[in-house]
Amino acid sequence: MPSPATGSRSLAMIEPVIGLAVGVVLAAYLLYTLIYPEKF
């Protein structure tokens, strides 16, 4: 099987990082709203 192009390889490496960042931000937001519900 031929190796993927450099562009698709860099995209495949950064895509999980973006997903992880979104998940962490969402989890932090949900925890914050649970702890301080009177601010929302």
C-alpha atoms as a PDB file:
ATOM      1  CA  MET A   1       0.000   0.000   0.000  1.00  0.00           C
ATOM      2  CA  PRO A   2       1.534   3.344  -0.995  1.00  0.00           C
ATOM      3  CA  SER A   3       2.212   5.909   1.687  1.00  0.00           C
ATOM      4  CA  PRO A   4      -0.220   8.854   1.846  1.00  0.00           C
ATOM      5  CA  ALA A   5       0.745  12.269   0.589  1.00  0.00           C
ATOM      6  CA  THR A   6       2.382  14.696   2.995  1.00  0.00           C
ATOM      7  CA  GLY A   7      -0.684  16.966   3.049  1.00  0.00           C
ATOM      8  CA  SER A   8      -3.091  14.210   4.015  1.00  0.00           C
ATOM      9  CA  ARG A   9      -0.648  12.909   6.621  1.00  0.00           C
ATOM     10  CA  SER A  10      -0.405  16.310   8.344  1.00  0.00           C
ATOM     11  CA  LEU A  11      -4.205  16.637   8.229  1.00  0.00           C
ATOM     12  CA  ALA A  12      -4.579  13.172   9.740  1.00  0.00           C
ATOM     13  CA  MET A  13      -2.218  14.166  12.552  1.00  0.00           C
ATOM     14  CA  ILE A  14      -3.913  17.490  13.366  1.00  0.00           C
ATOM     15  CA  GLU A  15      -7.532  16.293  13.149  1.00  0.00           C
ATOM     16  CA  PRO A  16      -7.479  14.300  16.448  1.00  0.00           C
ATOM     17  CA  VAL A  17      -5.755  17.244  18.143  1.00  0.00           C
ATOM     18  CA  ILE A  18      -8.596  19.558  17.084  1.00  0.00           C
ATOM     19  CA  GLY A  19     -11.159  17.012  18.273  1.00  0.00           C
ATOM     20  CA  LEU A  20      -9.403  16.669  21.614  1.00  0.00           C
ATOM     21  CA  ALA A  21      -9.275  20.451  22.056  1.00  0.00           C
ATOM     22  CA  VAL A  22     -12.997  20.780  21.311  1.00  0.00           C
ATOM     23  CA  GLY A  23     -13.779  17.982  23.748  1.00  0.00           C
ATOM     24  CA  VAL A  24     -11.700  19.523  26.523  1.00  0.00           C
ATOM     25  CA  VAL A  25     -13.290  22.953  26.026  1.00  0.00           C
ATOM     26  CA  LEU A  26     -16.776  21.445  26.004  1.00  0.00           C
ATOM     27  CA  ALA A  27     -16.096  19.408  29.146  1.00  0.00           C
ATOM     28  CA  ALA A  28     -14.684  22.472  30.930  1.00  0.00           C
ATOM     29  CA  TYR A  29     -17.743  24.521  29.941  1.00  0.00           C
ATOM     30  CA  LEU A  30     -20.137  21.848  31.200  1.00  0.00           C
ATOM     31  CA  LEU A  31     -18.263  21.505  34.490  1.00  0.00           C
ATOM     32  CA  TYR A  32     -18.255  25.288  34.938  1.00  0.00           C
ATOM     33  CA  THR A  33     -22.005  25.498  34.348  1.00  0.00           C
ATOM     34  CA  LEU A  34     -22.559  22.690  36.860  1.00  0.00           C
ATOM     35  CA  ILE A  35     -20.476  24.430  39.520  1.00  0.00           C
ATOM     36  CA  TYR A  36     -21.747  27.990  38.883  1.00  0.00           C
ATOM     37  CA  PRO A  37     -25.296  27.676  37.462  1.00  0.00           C
ATOM     38  CA  GLU A  38     -26.366  31.094  38.783  1.00  0.00           C
ATOM     39  CA  LYS A  39     -24.161  32.841  36.191  1.00  0.00           C
ATOM     40  CA  PHE A  40     -26.172  31.377  33.274  1.00  0.00           C
END
